[in-house]
Amino acid sequence: MENQEKVLALIGYTRKNGNTQALLEDYLQEFAQGKKVDLVDLNALDFKGCIYCNGCLQGPSCRLRDDFSPIYQKIEEANHLVFASPVYFNGLTWLLKKAIDRMQVYFANPMNWQGKKSAWLLLTAGAKAYPNQFTAGYLEGQITFRTLGYENFTCIGVDDTDSRPYEAGFLRREAIQINGMNRRKGNQWE
């Protein structure tokens, strides 16, 4: 299928088969049907974070050559982009942050992005809900997605997964979008 829409999902977890993976799989089942999905497990890649060598200021490419290098083409070809991460100390995991930092090449060399349709930030947190629990991740996602040509995105934050692990199907049953950010409150999304 030549015109098939492409979904690129980057998951920045350190523990397989956890809540973040369950949320991502739920998203893919609900929203990525009929699309070509490329799931990148950042934990399986051997790559460095941005070393601020200024190479991307000299031209539209990163000088680092490692397992992240092929991801640039996938980012550029994707119609839909998904970041999935557990929340550790109110922020994205170091794996996802390291990948985002490598996207500095797009900030230094703005592109005329075409065909960008949706961006999703999927976050899980073990702690019970508290004010601004997902705010740092939300802001990081917002800035990154805008740099990559996505004007609007949806952030879903699922809290209290230490006592209530994420259950498949919850996204379909419970998720509603309010002001671009979703949060679970008890059995409701606020």
C-alpha atoms as a PDB file:
ATOM      1  CA  MET A   1       0.000   0.000   0.000  1.00  0.00           C
ATOM      2  CA  GLU A   2       1.851   3.045  -1.275  1.00  0.00           C
ATOM      3  CA  ASN A   3      -0.365   5.673   0.365  1.00  0.00           C
ATOM      4  CA  GLN A   4      -0.746   3.897   3.677  1.00  0.00           C
ATOM      5  CA  GLU A   5      -0.358   6.242   6.626  1.00  0.00           C
ATOM      6  CA  LYS A   6       2.649   5.617   8.838  1.00  0.00           C
ATOM      7  CA  VAL A   7       2.780   5.581  12.624  1.00  0.00           C
ATOM      8  CA  LEU A   8       6.124   5.860  14.379  1.00  0.00           C
ATOM      9  CA  ALA A   9       6.002   4.940  18.057  1.00  0.00           C
ATOM     10  CA  LEU A  10       9.034   5.541  20.280  1.00  0.00           C
ATOM     11  CA  ILE A  11       8.825   3.855  23.671  1.00  0.00           C
ATOM     12  CA  GLY A  12      11.253   4.928  26.360  1.00  0.00           C
ATOM     13  CA  TYR A  13      10.850   2.346  29.082  1.00  0.00           C
ATOM     14  CA  THR A  14      13.379   0.247  30.925  1.00  0.00           C
ATOM     15  CA  ARG A  15      10.983  -2.527  31.936  1.00  0.00           C
ATOM     16  CA  LYS A  16       9.267  -4.641  29.294  1.00  0.00           C
ATOM     17  CA  ASN A  17       5.649  -5.720  29.718  1.00  0.00           C
ATOM     18  CA  GLY A  18       4.910  -2.860  32.080  1.00  0.00           C
ATOM     19  CA  ASN A  19       2.160  -0.262  32.206  1.00  0.00           C
ATOM     20  CA  THR A  20       3.656   1.978  29.529  1.00  0.00           C
ATOM     21  CA  GLN A  21       3.877  -0.884  27.060  1.00  0.00           C
ATOM     22  CA  ALA A  22       0.260  -1.870  27.839  1.00  0.00           C
ATOM     23  CA  LEU A  23      -0.914   1.720  27.254  1.00  0.00           C
ATOM     24  CA  LEU A  24       1.002   1.902  23.972  1.00  0.00           C
ATOM     25  CA  GLU A  25      -0.375  -1.435  22.768  1.00  0.00           C
ATOM     26  CA  ASP A  26      -3.866  -0.232  23.652  1.00  0.00           C
ATOM     27  CA  TYR A  27      -3.301   2.973  21.675  1.00  0.00           C
ATOM     28  CA  LEU A  28      -2.010   1.046  18.655  1.00  0.00           C
ATOM     29  CA  GLN A  29      -4.986  -1.319  18.728  1.00  0.00           C
ATOM     30  CA  GLU A  30      -7.501   1.529  18.984  1.00  0.00           C
ATOM     31  CA  PHE A  31      -5.996   4.251  16.815  1.00  0.00           C
ATOM     32  CA  ALA A  32      -3.481   2.710  14.443  1.00  0.00           C
ATOM     33  CA  GLN A  33      -5.633   0.138  12.669  1.00  0.00           C
ATOM     34  CA  GLY A  34      -5.047   0.176   8.922  1.00  0.00           C
ATOM     35  CA  LYS A  35      -1.815   2.121   9.308  1.00  0.00           C
ATOM     36  CA  LYS A  36       1.768   0.927   8.935  1.00  0.00           C
ATOM     37  CA  VAL A  37       3.235   0.862  12.447  1.00  0.00           C
ATOM     38  CA  ASP A  38       6.931   1.088  13.250  1.00  0.00           C
ATOM     39  CA  LEU A  39       7.530   0.510  16.960  1.00  0.00           C
ATOM     40  CA  VAL A  40      10.985   1.523  18.196  1.00  0.00           C
ATOM     41  CA  ASP A  41      12.065   0.237  21.592  1.00  0.00           C
ATOM     42  CA  LEU A  42      14.642   2.845  22.586  1.00  0.00           C
ATOM     43  CA  ASN A  43      16.001   0.539  25.272  1.00  0.00           C
ATOM     44  CA  ALA A  44      17.101  -1.907  22.558  1.00  0.00           C
ATOM     45  CA  LEU A  45      19.132   0.748  20.707  1.00  0.00           C
ATOM     46  CA  ASP A  46      22.754   1.637  21.353  1.00  0.00           C
ATOM     47  CA  PHE A  47      22.808   5.413  20.917  1.00  0.00           C
ATOM     48  CA  LYS A  48      24.195   8.542  22.520  1.00  0.00           C
ATOM     49  CA  GLY A  49      22.316  11.641  23.489  1.00  0.00           C
ATOM     50  CA  CYS A  50      23.101  14.951  21.853  1.00  0.00           C
ATOM     51  CA  ILE A  51      26.707  15.902  22.611  1.00  0.00           C
ATOM     52  CA  TYR A  52      26.235  19.498  21.474  1.00  0.00           C
ATOM     53  CA  CYS A  53      28.935  19.258  18.835  1.00  0.00           C
ATOM     54  CA  ASN A  54      27.124  21.895  16.727  1.00  0.00           C
ATOM     55  CA  GLY A  55      27.282  19.602  13.694  1.00  0.00           C
ATOM     56  CA  CYS A  56      23.590  20.137  13.021  1.00  0.00           C
ATOM     57  CA  LEU A  57      24.216  23.892  12.876  1.00  0.00           C
ATOM     58  CA  GLN A  58      26.483  23.263   9.875  1.00  0.00           C
ATOM     59  CA  GLY A  59      23.849  21.291   7.927  1.00  0.00           C
ATOM     60  CA  PRO A  60      20.640  19.305   8.271  1.00  0.00           C
ATOM     61  CA  SER A  61      22.060  16.132   9.739  1.00  0.00           C
ATOM     62  CA  CYS A  62      23.455  14.761  12.969  1.00  0.00           C
ATOM     63  CA  ARG A  63      27.149  13.894  13.008  1.00  0.00           C
ATOM     64  CA  LEU A  64      26.635  11.033  15.439  1.00  0.00           C
ATOM     65  CA  ARG A  65      26.378   7.654  13.720  1.00  0.00           C
ATOM     66  CA  ASP A  66      24.752   4.988  15.848  1.00  0.00           C
ATOM     67  CA  ASP A  67      21.506   3.042  16.203  1.00  0.00           C
ATOM     68  CA  PHE A  68      19.478   6.273  16.287  1.00  0.00           C
ATOM     69  CA  SER A  69      20.658   7.375  12.829  1.00  0.00           C
ATOM     70  CA  PRO A  70      17.962   5.433  10.881  1.00  0.00           C
ATOM     71  CA  ILE A  71      15.247   6.920  13.122  1.00  0.00           C
ATOM     72  CA  TYR A  72      15.560  10.315  11.406  1.00  0.00           C
ATOM     73  CA  GLN A  73      14.124   9.001   8.150  1.00  0.00           C
ATOM     74  CA  LYS A  74      11.292   7.316  10.053  1.00  0.00           C
ATOM     75  CA  ILE A  75      10.483  10.607  11.816  1.00  0.00           C
ATOM     76  CA  GLU A  76      10.425  12.428   8.506  1.00  0.00           C
ATOM     77  CA  GLU A  77       8.162   9.851   6.842  1.00  0.00           C
ATOM     78  CA  ALA A  78       5.691   9.389   9.711  1.00  0.00           C
ATOM     79  CA  ASN A  79       2.179  10.841   9.507  1.00  0.00           C
ATOM     80  CA  HIS A  80       1.542  10.021  13.154  1.00  0.00           C
ATOM     81  CA  LEU A  81       4.098  10.144  15.952  1.00  0.00           C
ATOM     82  CA  VAL A  82       3.762   8.569  19.393  1.00  0.00           C
ATOM     83  CA  PHE A  83       6.031   8.947  22.412  1.00  0.00           C
ATOM     84  CA  ALA A  84       5.387   6.567  25.316  1.00  0.00           C
ATOM     85  CA  SER A  85       7.147   6.873  28.643  1.00  0.00           C
ATOM     86  CA  PRO A  86       6.782   6.143  32.304  1.00  0.00           C
ATOM     87  CA  VAL A  87       7.070   9.262  34.438  1.00  0.00           C
ATOM     88  CA  TYR A  88      10.039   9.255  36.780  1.00  0.00           C
ATOM     89  CA  PHE A  89      10.348  12.205  39.164  1.00  0.00           C
ATOM     90  CA  ASN A  90       7.766  14.180  37.154  1.00  0.00           C
ATOM     91  CA  GLY A  91       9.550  13.813  33.819  1.00  0.00           C
ATOM     92  CA  LEU A  92      10.107  11.613  30.816  1.00  0.00           C
ATOM     93  CA  THR A  93      12.567   8.766  31.129  1.00  0.00           C
ATOM     94  CA  TRP A  94      16.178   9.372  30.221  1.00  0.00           C
ATOM     95  CA  LEU A  95      15.746   7.128  27.175  1.00  0.00           C
ATOM     96  CA  LEU A  96      12.995   9.221  25.617  1.00  0.00           C
ATOM     97  CA  LYS A  97      14.691  12.454  26.657  1.00  0.00           C
ATOM     98  CA  LYS A  98      17.910  11.271  25.008  1.00  0.00           C
ATOM     99  CA  ALA A  99      15.999  10.560  21.778  1.00  0.00           C
ATOM    100  CA  ILE A 100      14.273  13.955  21.919  1.00  0.00           C
ATOM    101  CA  ASP A 101      17.615  15.670  22.436  1.00  0.00           C
ATOM    102  CA  ARG A 102      18.863  14.025  19.246  1.00  0.00           C
ATOM    103  CA  MET A 103      15.977  15.733  17.431  1.00  0.00           C
ATOM    104  CA  GLN A 104      17.869  19.008  17.930  1.00  0.00           C
ATOM    105  CA  VAL A 105      18.786  18.623  14.264  1.00  0.00           C
ATOM    106  CA  TYR A 106      15.192  19.589  13.356  1.00  0.00           C
ATOM    107  CA  PHE A 107      15.221  22.617  15.644  1.00  0.00           C
ATOM    108  CA  ALA A 108      18.514  23.788  14.130  1.00  0.00           C
ATOM    109  CA  ASN A 109      17.261  23.071  10.591  1.00  0.00           C
ATOM    110  CA  PRO A 110      13.514  23.752  10.423  1.00  0.00           C
ATOM    111  CA  MET A 111      11.737  21.740   7.774  1.00  0.00           C
ATOM    112  CA  ASN A 112       8.572  22.390   5.812  1.00  0.00           C
ATOM    113  CA  TRP A 113       6.718  19.427   7.265  1.00  0.00           C
ATOM    114  CA  GLN A 114       3.916  17.984   5.134  1.00  0.00           C
ATOM    115  CA  GLY A 115       1.367  15.296   5.967  1.00  0.00           C
ATOM    116  CA  LYS A 116       1.726  15.434   9.744  1.00  0.00           C
ATOM    117  CA  LYS A 117      -1.624  14.395  11.204  1.00  0.00           C
ATOM    118  CA  SER A 118      -1.487  13.434  14.851  1.00  0.00           C
ATOM    119  CA  ALA A 119       0.937  13.217  17.702  1.00  0.00           C
ATOM    120  CA  TRP A 120       0.400  11.383  20.970  1.00  0.00           C
ATOM    121  CA  LEU A 121       2.217  11.441  24.269  1.00  0.00           C
ATOM    122  CA  LEU A 122       1.371   8.443  26.439  1.00  0.00           C
ATOM    123  CA  LEU A 123       2.515   8.657  30.055  1.00  0.00           C
ATOM    124  CA  THR A 124       2.161   6.327  33.015  1.00  0.00           C
ATOM    125  CA  ALA A 125       2.960   7.128  36.630  1.00  0.00           C
ATOM    126  CA  GLY A 126       3.063   4.834  39.610  1.00  0.00           C
ATOM    127  CA  ALA A 127       2.112   7.568  42.080  1.00  0.00           C
ATOM    128  CA  LYS A 128      -1.449   8.596  42.835  1.00  0.00           C
ATOM    129  CA  ALA A 129      -2.569  11.786  41.095  1.00  0.00           C
ATOM    130  CA  TYR A 130      -1.153  15.076  42.350  1.00  0.00           C
ATOM    131  CA  PRO A 131      -0.996  18.575  40.814  1.00  0.00           C
ATOM    132  CA  ASN A 132       1.264  18.930  37.775  1.00  0.00           C
ATOM    133  CA  GLN A 133       2.180  15.254  37.779  1.00  0.00           C
ATOM    134  CA  PHE A 134       2.444  15.130  33.984  1.00  0.00           C
ATOM    135  CA  THR A 135       3.164  18.795  33.242  1.00  0.00           C
ATOM    136  CA  ALA A 136       6.911  18.496  32.553  1.00  0.00           C
ATOM    137  CA  GLY A 137       6.389  15.611  30.120  1.00  0.00           C
ATOM    138  CA  TYR A 138       3.446  17.419  28.507  1.00  0.00           C
ATOM    139  CA  LEU A 139       5.503  20.565  27.876  1.00  0.00           C
ATOM    140  CA  GLU A 140       8.460  18.608  26.521  1.00  0.00           C
ATOM    141  CA  GLY A 141       6.121  16.738  24.184  1.00  0.00           C
ATOM    142  CA  GLN A 142       4.360  19.918  23.076  1.00  0.00           C
ATOM    143  CA  ILE A 143       7.595  21.683  22.122  1.00  0.00           C
ATOM    144  CA  THR A 144       9.039  18.629  20.382  1.00  0.00           C
ATOM    145  CA  PHE A 145       5.890  17.828  18.411  1.00  0.00           C
ATOM    146  CA  ARG A 146       5.556  21.427  17.230  1.00  0.00           C
ATOM    147  CA  THR A 147       9.178  21.392  16.079  1.00  0.00           C
ATOM    148  CA  LEU A 148       8.354  18.240  14.097  1.00  0.00           C
ATOM    149  CA  GLY A 149       5.346  19.819  12.375  1.00  0.00           C
ATOM    150  CA  TYR A 150       2.521  18.616  14.615  1.00  0.00           C
ATOM    151  CA  GLU A 151       0.444  21.611  15.702  1.00  0.00           C
ATOM    152  CA  ASN A 152      -1.913  19.593  17.880  1.00  0.00           C
ATOM    153  CA  PHE A 153      -1.310  16.586  20.007  1.00  0.00           C
ATOM    154  CA  THR A 154      -3.009  14.505  22.628  1.00  0.00           C
ATOM    155  CA  CYS A 155      -1.402  13.672  25.940  1.00  0.00           C
ATOM    156  CA  ILE A 156      -2.784  10.821  28.001  1.00  0.00           C
ATOM    157  CA  GLY A 157      -1.523  10.448  31.536  1.00  0.00           C
ATOM    158  CA  VAL A 158      -2.453   7.386  33.584  1.00  0.00           C
ATOM    159  CA  ASP A 159      -1.567   7.667  37.258  1.00  0.00           C
ATOM    160  CA  ASP A 160      -1.578   5.305  40.240  1.00  0.00           C
ATOM    161  CA  THR A 161      -0.312   2.341  38.250  1.00  0.00           C
ATOM    162  CA  ASP A 162       1.612   1.047  41.272  1.00  0.00           C
ATOM    163  CA  SER A 163      -1.674   0.102  42.923  1.00  0.00           C
ATOM    164  CA  ARG A 164      -3.829  -0.227  39.775  1.00  0.00           C
ATOM    165  CA  PRO A 165      -1.881  -1.572  36.808  1.00  0.00           C
ATOM    166  CA  TYR A 166      -3.000  -0.361  33.395  1.00  0.00           C
ATOM    167  CA  GLU A 167      -5.662  -2.624  31.908  1.00  0.00           C
ATOM    168  CA  ALA A 168      -6.032  -3.157  28.178  1.00  0.00           C
ATOM    169  CA  GLY A 169      -9.193  -1.557  26.884  1.00  0.00           C
ATOM    170  CA  PHE A 170      -9.157   1.249  29.460  1.00  0.00           C
ATOM    171  CA  LEU A 171      -8.271   3.760  26.765  1.00  0.00           C
ATOM    172  CA  ARG A 172     -11.397   2.981  24.776  1.00  0.00           C
ATOM    173  CA  ARG A 173     -13.713   2.805  27.766  1.00  0.00           C
ATOM    174  CA  GLU A 174     -12.519   5.829  29.682  1.00  0.00           C
ATOM    175  CA  ALA A 175     -10.506   8.283  27.590  1.00  0.00           C
ATOM    176  CA  ILE A 176     -11.857  11.696  26.730  1.00  0.00           C
ATOM    177  CA  GLN A 177      -9.861  14.674  25.562  1.00  0.00           C
ATOM    178  CA  ILE A 178     -10.016  17.922  27.496  1.00  0.00           C
ATOM    179  CA  ASN A 179      -7.733  20.799  26.512  1.00  0.00           C
ATOM    180  CA  GLY A 180      -5.293  18.437  24.832  1.00  0.00           C
ATOM    181  CA  MET A 181      -4.468  16.559  28.025  1.00  0.00           C
ATOM    182  CA  ASN A 182      -6.215  13.570  29.525  1.00  0.00           C
ATOM    183  CA  ARG A 183      -5.851  12.337  33.070  1.00  0.00           C
ATOM    184  CA  ARG A 184      -7.491   9.535  34.906  1.00  0.00           C
ATOM    185  CA  LYS A 185      -9.166  10.462  38.160  1.00  0.00           C
ATOM    186  CA  GLY A 186     -10.423   7.383  39.918  1.00  0.00           C
ATOM    187  CA  ASN A 187     -12.389   5.693  37.189  1.00  0.00           C
ATOM    188  CA  GLN A 188     -12.908   8.927  35.256  1.00  0.00           C
ATOM    189  CA  TRP A 189     -10.734  11.041  33.018  1.00  0.00           C
ATOM    190  CA  GLU A 190     -10.492  14.717  33.875  1.00  0.00           C
END
